[in-house]
Amino acid sequence: MPGLRLINISSHDEAMGELAAVGVDSIGVKLMAPKMTHLNIKLDGITCAQANILKQDMLSLGGDAAVSSGVINSKVERTDCILMGTVKQFERLSKKLRIQPFGLKNIAVELNSILHSVKHLPSPLKTKKMTLDFGNRSFVMGILNVTPDSFSEKGAFFDTDAAIRRGLEMAEEGADIIDIGGESTRPGAQPVTLDEELKRVIPVIEGVAAKVNVPISIDTYKAEVAKRALEAGAEIVNDISGLRFDQKMAETIASHDAAVIIMHIKGTPQDMQISPAYQSLVSDIIGYLGEGIKMAEAAGILPDKIIIDPGIGFGKTLEHNLTIMKNLRAFKSLGKPLLIGTSRKSFIGKITGAETGDRIIGTAATVAVGIMNGADIVRVHDVKEGVQAARMADAIRNANN
């Protein structure tokens, strides 16, 4: 008797793999895969006219749309809207919206961008030392804080020689990127001077870059530090401000043909944890990151050298952090590699009760969940353990159904 079972299709690639395994010809795979991937797409604050047309069009295509009950008789001015359908239905919707009034052409453009990101992996990130080819596996970024007051290491690698040794050890443990920072950005941390930050990081970057075959990232929001770090051997700039704190940052990165990590932050490290609030958490962060991408590309940073980070713990409550982790796949709509940094952070301690130095297992859990939910890069202090968690998550994510 034939067996019936549900299969989990979470991506376009998985749909194509399932069809190929059945023996469907290449044309059939191409035609049917978009019918197997179901999407739920939310629009915030659209007009009643837009909502009515979207609902009618989705129903005509066999999908559906959820809107406020006050839309039909215009008792509300605006409504959120959840569109439900397959990729194929959304492709047809996009074509219909191109000829509709009320600003729906603009929604069609955004919809096309989301559909493209669903069907295509982010472009590989090429550095001088390696190529990060996203989709086959996730990548591990090792954290190397050259500070006396980091929330985690408590200054263990403030000494230059100790920091270089740790960088080499990270590479041996399997780090794909080494992220070096000279200023603590923990909640409430005070800024350090430009000269002090340079004094801390440049010798370490020079010492590590000369001896490892993985790219170096500089964790800074200061353009001058980024410039000097890139000249010393770094290839990626990890900017917690998403290019906002220093107006020269994007231009500096572009002029060195470097890559950038655009992170979301609400406020500054000094005030970001003082009652952070959002109108719509995930939508607000996506909007911020999207603007950062536009700033980067306008300055000349190549599209395939941009990484995004939703900024776990940077202006977020415990509930905010959990919601972001649960909804990571939403950030894939931006079409860029996705990085998460959860390592040893306070939300893990609030849930597990573990002190900062005893959060390895909690961190490993967030690494695995993050990768399963779409993270391409995970940023960790404990590289050996992070690599093990990443490889297990990769194996499960890539397993045949």
Protein backbone atom coordinates (compact mmCIF):
# COMPACT_ATOMS: atom_id res chain seq x y z
CA MET A 1 0.00 0.00 0.00
CA PRO A 2 1.48 3.41 -0.96
CA GLY A 3 2.44 5.58 1.95
CA LEU A 4 1.34 9.18 2.31
CA ARG A 5 3.48 11.72 4.10
CA LEU A 6 3.97 15.41 4.42
CA ILE A 7 7.20 16.86 3.04
CA ASN A 8 8.75 20.06 4.31
CA ILE A 9 9.53 22.52 1.52
CA SER A 10 11.06 25.70 2.90
CA SER A 11 12.94 26.96 -0.14
CA HIS A 12 12.93 27.01 -3.93
CA ASP A 13 16.05 24.81 -3.98
CA GLU A 14 14.35 22.18 -1.80
CA ALA A 15 11.37 22.14 -4.15
CA MET A 16 13.63 21.62 -7.16
CA GLY A 17 15.47 18.83 -5.34
CA GLU A 18 12.26 16.98 -4.50
CA LEU A 19 11.03 17.19 -8.09
CA ALA A 20 14.36 16.04 -9.48
CA ALA A 21 14.35 13.07 -7.08
CA VAL A 22 10.97 11.98 -8.48
CA GLY A 23 12.46 12.05 -11.96
CA VAL A 24 10.67 15.11 -13.34
CA ASP A 25 12.33 16.50 -16.47
CA SER A 26 14.19 19.80 -16.27
CA ILE A 27 11.39 21.84 -17.85
CA GLY A 28 8.85 20.37 -15.45
CA VAL A 29 11.09 21.12 -12.48
CA LYS A 30 11.33 24.74 -13.54
CA LEU A 31 7.56 25.03 -14.01
CA MET A 32 6.46 23.21 -10.88
CA ALA A 33 8.96 24.35 -8.25
CA PRO A 34 7.29 27.79 -7.85
CA LYS A 35 4.00 25.99 -7.14
CA MET A 36 5.53 24.07 -4.23
CA THR A 37 6.88 27.03 -2.29
CA HIS A 38 4.21 28.78 -0.24
CA LEU A 39 4.77 32.31 1.01
CA ASN A 40 3.05 34.56 3.52
CA ILE A 41 3.92 38.19 2.77
CA LYS A 42 2.87 41.02 5.06
CA LEU A 43 2.37 44.63 4.03
CA ASP A 44 2.13 47.29 6.74
CA GLY A 45 -0.28 50.22 6.64
CA ILE A 46 -1.66 50.10 3.10
CA THR A 47 -4.75 52.02 1.99
CA CYS A 48 -8.21 50.51 1.69
CA ALA A 49 -8.07 50.90 -2.08
CA GLN A 50 -4.79 48.98 -2.23
CA ALA A 51 -6.09 46.31 0.15
CA ASN A 52 -9.29 45.71 -1.83
CA ILE A 53 -7.43 45.31 -5.12
CA LEU A 54 -4.80 43.04 -3.58
CA LYS A 55 -7.46 40.81 -2.04
CA GLN A 56 -9.47 40.59 -5.26
CA ASP A 57 -6.38 39.82 -7.34
CA MET A 58 -5.07 37.16 -4.94
CA LEU A 59 -8.47 35.45 -4.78
CA SER A 60 -8.63 35.43 -8.58
CA LEU A 61 -5.26 33.65 -8.66
CA GLY A 62 -6.24 31.00 -6.10
CA GLY A 63 -4.45 32.64 -3.18
CA ASP A 64 -5.87 34.79 -0.41
CA ALA A 65 -5.34 38.00 1.51
CA ALA A 66 -6.18 38.89 5.10
CA VAL A 67 -7.13 42.50 5.76
CA SER A 68 -8.96 44.46 8.44
CA SER A 69 -12.73 43.87 8.55
CA GLY A 70 -13.11 47.65 8.28
CA VAL A 71 -11.66 47.73 4.76
CA ILE A 72 -14.78 46.73 2.87
CA ASN A 73 -16.80 49.72 4.12
CA SER A 74 -13.80 52.04 4.63
CA LYS A 75 -14.23 52.24 8.40
CA VAL A 76 -10.43 52.26 8.65
CA GLU A 77 -8.05 54.48 6.71
CA ARG A 78 -5.25 51.94 6.55
CA THR A 79 -4.74 48.26 7.24
CA ASP A 80 -2.02 45.69 7.45
CA CYS A 81 -2.36 42.93 4.90
CA ILE A 82 -1.15 39.33 4.78
CA LEU A 83 -0.92 37.83 1.31
CA MET A 84 -0.98 34.02 1.09
CA GLY A 85 0.00 32.01 -1.94
CA THR A 86 2.59 30.07 -3.87
CA VAL A 87 5.57 31.67 -5.59
CA LYS A 88 3.80 31.05 -8.90
CA GLN A 89 0.70 32.91 -7.69
CA PHE A 90 2.82 35.82 -6.49
CA GLU A 91 4.60 35.98 -9.84
CA ARG A 92 1.22 36.33 -11.54
CA LEU A 93 0.10 38.89 -8.94
CA SER A 94 3.16 41.00 -9.68
CA LYS A 95 2.24 41.17 -13.37
CA LYS A 96 -1.31 42.24 -12.53
CA LEU A 97 -0.16 44.94 -10.11
CA ARG A 98 2.01 46.60 -12.75
CA ILE A 99 -1.11 47.98 -14.46
CA GLN A 100 -2.99 48.91 -11.28
CA PRO A 101 -3.37 52.44 -9.83
CA PHE A 102 -3.00 53.65 -6.20
CA GLY A 103 0.74 53.04 -5.99
CA LEU A 104 0.43 49.30 -6.54
CA LYS A 105 3.16 49.45 -9.20
CA ASN A 106 5.63 50.22 -6.40
CA ILE A 107 4.38 47.22 -4.43
CA ALA A 108 4.97 45.10 -7.55
CA VAL A 109 8.60 46.22 -7.62
CA GLU A 110 9.11 45.23 -3.96
CA LEU A 111 7.31 41.95 -4.56
CA ASN A 112 9.61 41.12 -7.46
CA SER A 113 12.61 41.75 -5.22
CA ILE A 114 11.27 39.33 -2.60
CA LEU A 115 10.51 36.68 -5.22
CA HIS A 116 14.02 36.99 -6.64
CA SER A 117 15.56 36.49 -3.20
CA VAL A 118 13.36 33.44 -2.60
CA LYS A 119 14.49 31.77 -5.82
CA HIS A 120 18.17 32.76 -5.74
CA LEU A 121 20.90 32.41 -3.14
CA PRO A 122 22.95 35.50 -2.22
CA SER A 123 25.92 36.07 -4.51
CA PRO A 124 29.23 34.63 -3.27
CA LEU A 125 31.41 37.05 -1.32
CA LYS A 126 34.92 37.01 -2.77
CA THR A 127 37.85 38.10 -0.61
CA LYS A 128 41.56 37.84 -1.31
CA LYS A 129 41.87 34.82 0.97
CA MET A 130 38.67 32.88 0.33
CA THR A 131 35.25 32.91 -1.30
CA LEU A 132 32.17 32.61 0.89
CA ASP A 133 29.78 30.61 -1.30
CA PHE A 134 26.43 30.88 0.48
CA GLY A 135 23.88 28.09 0.50
CA ASN A 136 26.11 25.02 0.69
CA ARG A 137 27.11 25.69 4.28
CA SER A 138 27.10 28.40 6.90
CA PHE A 139 30.21 30.36 7.94
CA VAL A 140 31.61 31.04 11.40
CA MET A 141 33.00 34.43 12.40
CA GLY A 142 35.27 34.39 15.44
CA ILE A 143 35.10 37.37 17.83
CA LEU A 144 38.41 38.85 18.93
CA ASN A 145 37.89 41.77 21.30
CA VAL A 146 41.08 43.75 21.94
CA THR A 147 39.55 45.70 24.80
CA PRO A 148 39.99 45.84 28.58
CA ASP A 149 36.22 46.00 29.21
CA SER A 150 34.45 43.62 26.81
CA PHE A 151 31.33 42.14 28.37
CA SER A 152 32.53 38.61 27.69
CA GLU A 153 36.30 38.18 27.81
CA LYS A 154 36.91 40.87 30.46
CA GLY A 155 40.12 41.96 28.77
CA ALA A 156 41.64 38.51 28.26
CA PHE A 157 42.99 39.53 24.84
CA PHE A 158 43.83 43.18 25.53
CA ASP A 159 47.50 42.30 25.26
CA THR A 160 48.59 42.40 21.60
CA ASP A 161 50.54 39.14 21.69
CA ALA A 162 47.71 37.33 23.45
CA ALA A 163 45.23 38.66 20.88
CA ILE A 164 47.38 37.49 17.96
CA ARG A 165 47.74 34.03 19.51
CA ARG A 166 43.97 33.83 19.94
CA GLY A 167 43.43 34.88 16.32
CA LEU A 168 45.69 32.10 15.09
CA GLU A 169 43.94 29.65 17.38
CA MET A 170 40.56 30.68 15.97
CA ALA A 171 41.75 29.93 12.46
CA GLU A 172 42.95 26.50 13.58
CA GLU A 173 39.56 25.86 15.22
CA GLY A 174 37.78 26.48 11.93
CA ALA A 175 36.85 30.17 11.90
CA ASP A 176 35.98 31.40 8.41
CA ILE A 177 36.33 35.08 9.38
CA ILE A 178 38.09 36.72 12.33
CA ASP A 179 36.38 39.88 13.58
CA ILE A 180 38.75 42.19 15.47
CA GLY A 181 37.41 45.08 17.53
CA GLY A 182 39.02 47.67 19.77
CA GLU A 183 36.00 49.33 21.37
CA SER A 184 33.39 47.64 23.51
CA THR A 185 29.84 48.22 22.28
CA ARG A 186 28.09 46.48 25.17
CA PRO A 187 25.07 48.34 26.59
CA GLY A 188 26.24 51.47 28.39
CA ALA A 189 29.81 51.29 27.08
CA GLN A 190 31.62 54.60 26.66
CA PRO A 191 33.41 55.48 23.40
CA VAL A 192 37.19 55.36 23.13
CA THR A 193 39.31 57.85 21.25
CA LEU A 194 40.39 57.29 17.67
CA ASP A 195 44.05 57.03 18.65
CA GLU A 196 43.34 54.50 21.37
CA GLU A 197 41.24 52.31 19.09
CA LEU A 198 43.94 52.37 16.41
CA LYS A 199 46.60 51.53 18.98
CA ARG A 200 44.63 48.48 20.03
CA VAL A 201 43.61 46.95 16.70
CA ILE A 202 46.20 47.74 14.02
CA PRO A 203 49.08 45.65 15.46
CA VAL A 204 46.69 42.73 15.97
CA ILE A 205 45.29 42.93 12.44
CA GLU A 206 48.81 43.05 11.01
CA GLY A 207 49.93 40.13 13.14
CA VAL A 208 46.92 37.91 12.41
CA ALA A 209 46.49 38.78 8.71
CA ALA A 210 50.08 37.81 7.95
CA LYS A 211 49.64 34.32 9.36
CA VAL A 212 46.11 33.10 8.55
CA ASN A 213 44.30 32.20 5.34
CA VAL A 214 40.91 33.55 6.38
CA PRO A 215 39.65 37.12 5.88
CA ILE A 216 39.89 39.65 8.70
CA SER A 217 36.99 41.89 9.67
CA ILE A 218 37.36 45.16 11.59
CA ASP A 219 34.57 45.85 14.07
CA THR A 220 34.29 49.65 14.09
CA TYR A 221 31.95 52.51 13.26
CA LYS A 222 34.79 55.02 12.67
CA ALA A 223 35.82 55.58 9.05
CA GLU A 224 39.44 56.36 9.92
CA VAL A 225 39.80 53.13 11.90
CA ALA A 226 38.25 51.23 8.99
CA LYS A 227 40.68 52.87 6.55
CA ARG A 228 43.75 52.04 8.61
CA ALA A 229 42.50 48.50 9.28
CA LEU A 230 41.87 47.82 5.60
CA GLU A 231 45.38 49.05 4.82
CA ALA A 232 46.72 46.73 7.53
CA GLY A 233 45.11 43.61 6.06
CA ALA A 234 41.40 43.60 6.92
CA GLU A 235 38.94 42.98 4.09
CA ILE A 236 35.55 43.44 5.78
CA VAL A 237 34.16 46.30 7.89
CA ASN A 238 31.63 45.31 10.56
CA ASP A 239 29.76 48.54 11.34
CA ILE A 240 27.29 48.33 14.24
CA SER A 241 25.71 51.60 13.11
CA GLY A 242 24.84 50.38 9.64
CA LEU A 243 26.87 53.24 8.11
CA ARG A 244 25.02 55.89 10.18
CA PHE A 245 27.52 57.08 12.83
CA ASP A 246 30.26 58.22 10.45
CA GLN A 247 29.20 59.75 7.13
CA LYS A 248 32.58 58.88 5.57
CA MET A 249 32.29 55.17 6.31
CA ALA A 250 30.55 53.99 3.13
CA GLU A 251 32.92 55.97 0.90
CA THR A 252 35.93 54.61 2.78
CA ILE A 253 34.79 51.01 2.35
CA ALA A 254 34.03 51.53 -1.35
CA SER A 255 37.42 53.14 -2.05
CA HIS A 256 39.17 50.04 -0.68
CA ASP A 257 36.91 47.59 -2.56
CA ALA A 258 36.06 46.06 0.81
CA ALA A 259 32.98 44.26 2.08
CA VAL A 260 30.64 45.62 4.74
CA ILE A 261 28.37 44.20 7.41
CA ILE A 262 25.41 46.55 7.87
CA MET A 263 23.93 46.06 11.32
CA HIS A 264 20.74 47.44 12.83
CA ILE A 265 20.96 49.39 16.05
CA LYS A 266 18.34 51.50 17.81
CA GLY A 267 20.12 54.42 19.46
CA THR A 268 23.74 54.16 20.57
CA PRO A 269 25.56 51.72 22.85
CA GLN A 270 25.12 54.28 25.64
CA ASP A 271 21.31 54.42 25.45
CA MET A 272 20.12 51.57 23.21
CA GLN A 273 18.74 49.43 26.03
CA ILE A 274 16.68 52.20 27.63
CA SER A 275 13.13 51.02 26.87
CA PRO A 276 13.56 50.20 23.15
CA ALA A 277 10.23 50.20 21.29
CA TYR A 278 9.17 49.57 17.70
CA GLN A 279 6.09 50.21 15.64
CA SER A 280 6.59 46.89 13.85
CA LEU A 281 9.81 45.16 14.94
CA VAL A 282 10.78 43.07 11.92
CA SER A 283 9.45 45.58 9.38
CA ASP A 284 11.28 48.46 11.10
CA ILE A 285 14.58 46.55 11.06
CA ILE A 286 14.14 45.48 7.44
CA GLY A 287 13.48 49.10 6.51
CA TYR A 288 16.62 50.27 8.33
CA LEU A 289 18.79 47.61 6.71
CA GLY A 290 17.27 48.31 3.30
CA GLU A 291 18.19 51.99 3.61
CA GLY A 292 21.71 50.96 4.66
CA ILE A 293 22.01 48.80 1.53
CA LYS A 294 20.98 51.77 -0.63
CA MET A 295 23.55 53.99 1.11
CA ALA A 296 26.27 51.40 0.56
CA GLU A 297 25.53 50.86 -3.12
CA ALA A 298 25.16 54.62 -3.75
CA ALA A 299 28.67 55.09 -2.32
CA GLY A 300 30.08 52.47 -4.69
CA ILE A 301 30.17 49.37 -2.48
CA LEU A 302 29.55 46.38 -4.74
CA PRO A 303 26.17 44.67 -4.21
CA ASP A 304 27.85 41.29 -3.68
CA LYS A 305 30.01 42.72 -0.88
CA ILE A 306 27.14 43.63 1.46
CA ILE A 307 26.10 41.52 4.46
CA ILE A 308 23.20 42.34 6.80
CA ASP A 309 22.81 41.81 10.55
CA PRO A 310 19.53 42.44 12.46
CA GLY A 311 21.54 43.40 15.54
CA ILE A 312 20.55 40.98 18.29
CA GLY A 313 20.82 42.83 21.63
CA PHE A 314 21.41 46.27 20.11
CA GLY A 315 18.32 48.17 21.21
CA LYS A 316 16.17 45.08 21.76
CA THR A 317 14.36 43.52 24.69
CA LEU A 318 14.39 39.80 25.44
CA GLU A 319 11.14 39.38 23.52
CA HIS A 320 12.50 41.39 20.59
CA ASN A 321 15.54 39.12 20.33
CA LEU A 322 13.42 35.97 20.38
CA THR A 323 11.06 37.37 17.75
CA ILE A 324 13.99 38.22 15.47
CA MET A 325 15.46 34.74 15.86
CA LYS A 326 12.12 33.14 15.08
CA ASN A 327 11.60 35.33 12.00
CA LEU A 328 15.12 35.41 10.54
CA ARG A 329 13.92 34.19 7.18
CA ALA A 330 12.02 37.46 6.74
CA PHE A 331 15.36 39.25 6.35
CA LYS A 332 16.19 37.09 3.33
CA SER A 333 13.80 39.32 1.37
CA LEU A 334 16.66 41.84 1.18
CA GLY A 335 18.66 39.40 -0.93
CA LYS A 336 21.87 39.67 1.09
CA PRO A 337 23.84 37.18 3.20
CA LEU A 338 22.48 37.21 6.76
CA LEU A 339 24.71 37.34 9.84
CA ILE A 340 23.59 36.90 13.43
CA GLY A 341 25.54 37.63 16.60
CA THR A 342 24.02 35.96 19.65
CA SER A 343 27.18 34.76 21.39
CA ARG A 344 27.02 34.85 25.20
CA LYS A 345 24.50 37.70 25.11
CA SER A 346 22.29 38.65 28.02
CA PHE A 347 19.07 37.26 26.55
CA ILE A 348 20.64 33.79 26.75
CA GLY A 349 21.46 34.44 30.42
CA LYS A 350 17.92 35.65 31.14
CA ILE A 351 16.48 32.42 29.76
CA THR A 352 19.03 29.91 31.06
CA GLY A 353 20.20 31.68 34.22
CA ALA A 354 23.81 31.14 33.11
CA GLU A 355 26.51 33.73 33.74
CA THR A 356 28.34 35.26 30.76
CA GLY A 357 31.20 32.77 30.65
CA ASP A 358 28.88 29.79 30.99
CA ARG A 359 26.63 30.43 27.98
CA ILE A 360 28.35 28.17 25.45
CA ILE A 361 25.48 25.68 25.26
CA GLY A 362 22.86 28.41 25.05
CA THR A 363 24.88 30.10 22.32
CA ALA A 364 25.22 26.82 20.42
CA ALA A 365 21.44 26.44 20.50
CA THR A 366 20.96 29.90 18.99
CA VAL A 367 23.58 29.13 16.34
CA ALA A 368 21.75 25.98 15.28
CA VAL A 369 18.33 27.64 15.31
CA GLY A 370 19.70 30.65 13.48
CA ILE A 371 21.15 28.52 10.68
CA MET A 372 17.95 26.50 10.36
CA ASN A 373 16.04 29.78 10.07
CA GLY A 374 18.25 31.21 7.35
CA ALA A 375 21.45 32.63 8.86
CA ASP A 376 24.46 32.44 6.55
CA ILE A 377 27.11 33.62 9.05
CA VAL A 378 27.20 33.17 12.82
CA ARG A 379 29.43 35.36 15.01
CA VAL A 380 30.76 33.58 18.11
CA HIS A 381 33.37 33.83 20.86
CA ASP A 382 33.78 30.06 21.24
CA VAL A 383 34.84 29.08 17.74
CA LYS A 384 35.41 25.36 18.23
CA GLU A 385 31.96 24.86 19.74
CA GLY A 386 30.37 27.25 17.23
CA VAL A 387 31.82 25.31 14.31
CA GLN A 388 30.46 22.03 15.68
CA ALA A 389 26.99 23.53 16.13
CA ALA A 390 27.11 25.03 12.63
CA ARG A 391 28.18 21.79 10.96
CA MET A 392 25.37 19.85 12.67
CA ALA A 393 22.78 22.47 11.68
CA ASP A 394 24.10 22.47 8.11
CA ALA A 395 23.86 18.68 7.91
CA ILE A 396 20.25 18.67 9.12
CA ARG A 397 19.24 21.61 6.89
CA ASN A 398 20.79 20.03 3.80
CA ALA A 399 19.54 16.48 4.43
CA ASN A 400 17.25 14.88 1.87
CA ASN A 401 13.60 14.77 2.93
